Amino acid sequence: MCSKSRFFIMRLALIPLFLMLFNGCAATAKSGKDVEFTALVERASSQYEAGLLTEAEASYRKVTQLRPDYYEPWLKLGNIYVRTGQLEAAVRMFTKCTELRPDEVRGWSNLSLTRLKQSLAVLDEAQHHFPNDSAGAAVLRNSRQSLIKHLVR
């Protein structure tokens, strides 16, 4: 066999080695990203549990940017927004939850509870526009009582 043929065969034999090395580097890079992602999720969770809602919100926002299909951060963001009185934002987060996982009850339950909070807030706000002894105030009180009555059935 001539030296050119041997050289060519040696080069062909090295191709699988280079592919293995290249794939190993790619796997290491991927696992590095996975480790970073996991650390971000854990940091967000720790912040949330510690009541550091502003920090947790920022961390969960980053998580949703990296993995928009990941359910938990949307749920946590919704909970943060409920706790901070941002009910419209909470509704958007819980709606996203129901879109991502329509078979998951937490998104639906939290969405409905948030809508109820909104309903009560509307009735409470409306009370400020009517004198306490007016017919309008009575209608609003009855609406509020009716809503609550239906909830406790």
Protein backbone atom coordinates (compact mmCIF):
# COMPACT_ATOMS: atom_id res chain seq x y z
CA MET A 1 0.00 0.00 0.00
CA CYS A 2 1.40 3.38 -0.91
CA SER A 3 2.01 6.07 1.68
CA LYS A 4 -0.79 8.28 0.30
CA SER A 5 -3.32 5.50 0.82
CA ARG A 6 -2.10 4.85 4.37
CA PHE A 7 -2.31 8.56 5.15
CA PHE A 8 -5.86 8.71 3.77
CA ILE A 9 -6.94 5.64 5.80
CA MET A 10 -5.38 7.12 8.96
CA ARG A 11 -7.31 10.35 8.41
CA LEU A 12 -10.54 8.41 7.95
CA ALA A 13 -9.83 6.49 11.14
CA LEU A 14 -9.45 9.77 13.05
CA ILE A 15 -12.87 11.10 12.00
CA PRO A 16 -14.82 9.07 14.59
CA LEU A 17 -12.39 10.24 17.28
CA PHE A 18 -12.94 13.89 16.35
CA LEU A 19 -16.70 13.34 16.28
CA MET A 20 -16.62 11.81 19.75
CA LEU A 21 -14.55 14.71 21.07
CA PHE A 22 -16.84 17.26 19.42
CA ASN A 23 -19.97 15.57 20.77
CA GLY A 24 -18.41 15.42 24.22
CA CYS A 25 -17.77 19.16 24.14
CA ALA A 26 -21.33 19.82 22.99
CA ALA A 27 -22.73 17.61 25.75
CA THR A 28 -20.60 19.40 28.33
CA ALA A 29 -21.81 22.79 27.08
CA LYS A 30 -25.40 21.61 27.21
CA SER A 31 -25.08 20.24 30.70
CA GLY A 32 -23.44 23.51 31.71
CA LYS A 33 -26.51 25.39 30.47
CA ASP A 34 -28.74 22.91 32.28
CA VAL A 35 -26.79 23.50 35.49
CA GLU A 36 -27.14 27.28 35.08
CA PHE A 37 -30.86 26.94 34.37
CA THR A 38 -31.37 24.71 37.41
CA ALA A 39 -29.45 27.18 39.58
CA LEU A 40 -31.67 30.03 38.32
CA VAL A 41 -34.83 28.06 39.11
CA GLU A 42 -33.52 27.19 42.56
CA ARG A 43 -32.58 30.82 43.23
CA ALA A 44 -36.04 31.99 42.15
CA SER A 45 -37.67 29.39 44.38
CA SER A 46 -35.53 30.37 47.38
CA GLN A 47 -36.33 34.04 46.84
CA TYR A 48 -40.03 33.24 46.56
CA GLU A 49 -40.02 31.13 49.73
CA ALA A 50 -38.13 33.88 51.60
CA GLY A 51 -40.75 36.44 50.56
CA LEU A 52 -38.31 38.37 48.35
CA LEU A 53 -41.00 38.86 45.75
CA THR A 54 -39.29 41.55 43.65
CA GLU A 55 -36.17 39.41 43.31
CA ALA A 56 -38.20 36.25 42.73
CA GLU A 57 -40.22 38.01 40.04
CA ALA A 58 -37.04 39.02 38.18
CA SER A 59 -35.63 35.50 38.46
CA TYR A 60 -38.84 33.82 37.33
CA ARG A 61 -39.05 36.26 34.41
CA LYS A 62 -35.58 35.09 33.32
CA VAL A 63 -36.72 31.49 33.61
CA THR A 64 -39.73 32.15 31.36
CA GLN A 65 -37.46 33.80 28.79
CA LEU A 66 -35.19 30.75 28.74
CA ARG A 67 -38.02 28.21 28.80
CA PRO A 68 -41.36 29.78 27.87
CA ASP A 69 -43.01 26.34 27.98
CA TYR A 70 -42.08 25.70 31.63
CA TYR A 71 -45.27 25.82 33.72
CA GLU A 72 -44.04 26.51 37.26
CA PRO A 73 -42.53 29.98 36.79
CA TRP A 74 -45.77 31.24 35.21
CA LEU A 75 -47.69 29.94 38.21
CA LYS A 76 -45.27 31.51 40.67
CA LEU A 77 -45.37 34.84 38.81
CA GLY A 78 -49.16 34.77 39.03
CA ASN A 79 -48.94 34.15 42.77
CA ILE A 80 -46.45 37.00 43.16
CA TYR A 81 -48.77 39.35 41.30
CA VAL A 82 -51.75 38.35 43.44
CA ARG A 83 -49.71 38.95 46.59
CA THR A 84 -48.65 42.38 45.35
CA GLY A 85 -52.14 43.38 44.20
CA GLN A 86 -51.36 43.27 40.48
CA LEU A 87 -54.45 41.27 39.60
CA GLU A 88 -54.45 41.96 35.83
CA ALA A 89 -50.86 40.68 35.61
CA ALA A 90 -51.83 37.65 37.72
CA VAL A 91 -54.69 36.87 35.35
CA ARG A 92 -52.26 36.95 32.40
CA MET A 93 -49.88 34.55 34.17
CA PHE A 94 -52.60 32.10 35.19
CA THR A 95 -54.11 32.25 31.70
CA LYS A 96 -50.68 31.29 30.35
CA CYS A 97 -50.70 28.37 32.78
CA THR A 98 -54.04 27.15 31.45
CA GLU A 99 -52.73 27.40 27.90
CA LEU A 100 -49.56 25.48 28.68
CA ARG A 101 -51.23 22.76 30.72
CA PRO A 102 -55.01 22.74 30.43
CA ASP A 103 -55.07 19.52 32.46
CA GLU A 104 -53.35 21.16 35.48
CA VAL A 105 -55.88 22.31 38.07
CA ARG A 106 -53.70 24.89 39.86
CA GLY A 107 -53.73 27.32 36.93
CA TRP A 108 -57.51 27.14 36.58
CA SER A 109 -58.10 27.40 40.31
CA ASN A 110 -55.78 30.38 40.73
CA LEU A 111 -57.27 32.08 37.69
CA SER A 112 -60.79 31.75 39.06
CA LEU A 113 -59.79 32.96 42.53
CA THR A 114 -58.02 35.96 41.00
CA ARG A 115 -61.10 36.81 38.94
CA LEU A 116 -63.17 36.62 42.12
CA LYS A 117 -60.76 39.01 43.85
CA GLN A 118 -61.19 41.34 40.89
CA SER A 119 -64.97 41.12 41.18
CA LEU A 120 -64.87 41.96 44.86
CA ALA A 121 -62.45 44.81 44.20
CA VAL A 122 -64.82 46.25 41.57
CA LEU A 123 -67.73 46.12 44.00
CA ASP A 124 -65.63 47.71 46.76
CA GLU A 125 -64.45 50.47 44.43
CA ALA A 126 -67.99 51.12 43.27
CA GLN A 127 -69.13 51.58 46.90
CA HIS A 128 -67.01 54.76 47.08
CA HIS A 129 -69.15 56.40 44.41
CA PHE A 130 -72.49 56.02 46.17
CA PRO A 131 -73.69 57.44 49.45
CA ASN A 132 -74.03 54.69 52.03
CA ASP A 133 -77.82 55.06 52.26
CA SER A 134 -78.45 55.25 48.49
CA ALA A 135 -80.23 52.66 46.37
CA GLY A 136 -77.01 52.18 44.36
CA ALA A 137 -75.02 51.34 47.49
CA ALA A 138 -77.71 48.82 48.48
CA VAL A 139 -77.52 47.14 45.07
CA LEU A 140 -73.73 46.90 45.36
CA ARG A 141 -73.91 45.47 48.90
CA ASN A 142 -76.45 42.91 47.71
CA SER A 143 -74.24 41.99 44.76
CA ARG A 144 -71.27 41.53 47.06
CA GLN A 145 -73.28 39.41 49.51
CA SER A 146 -74.71 37.35 46.66
CA LEU A 147 -71.25 36.70 45.25
CA ILE A 148 -69.92 35.62 48.63
CA LYS A 149 -73.04 33.54 49.33
CA HIS A 150 -72.54 31.66 46.05
CA LEU A 151 -68.93 31.01 46.92
CA VAL A 152 -69.64 29.40 50.28
CA ARG A 153 -72.30 27.00 49.03
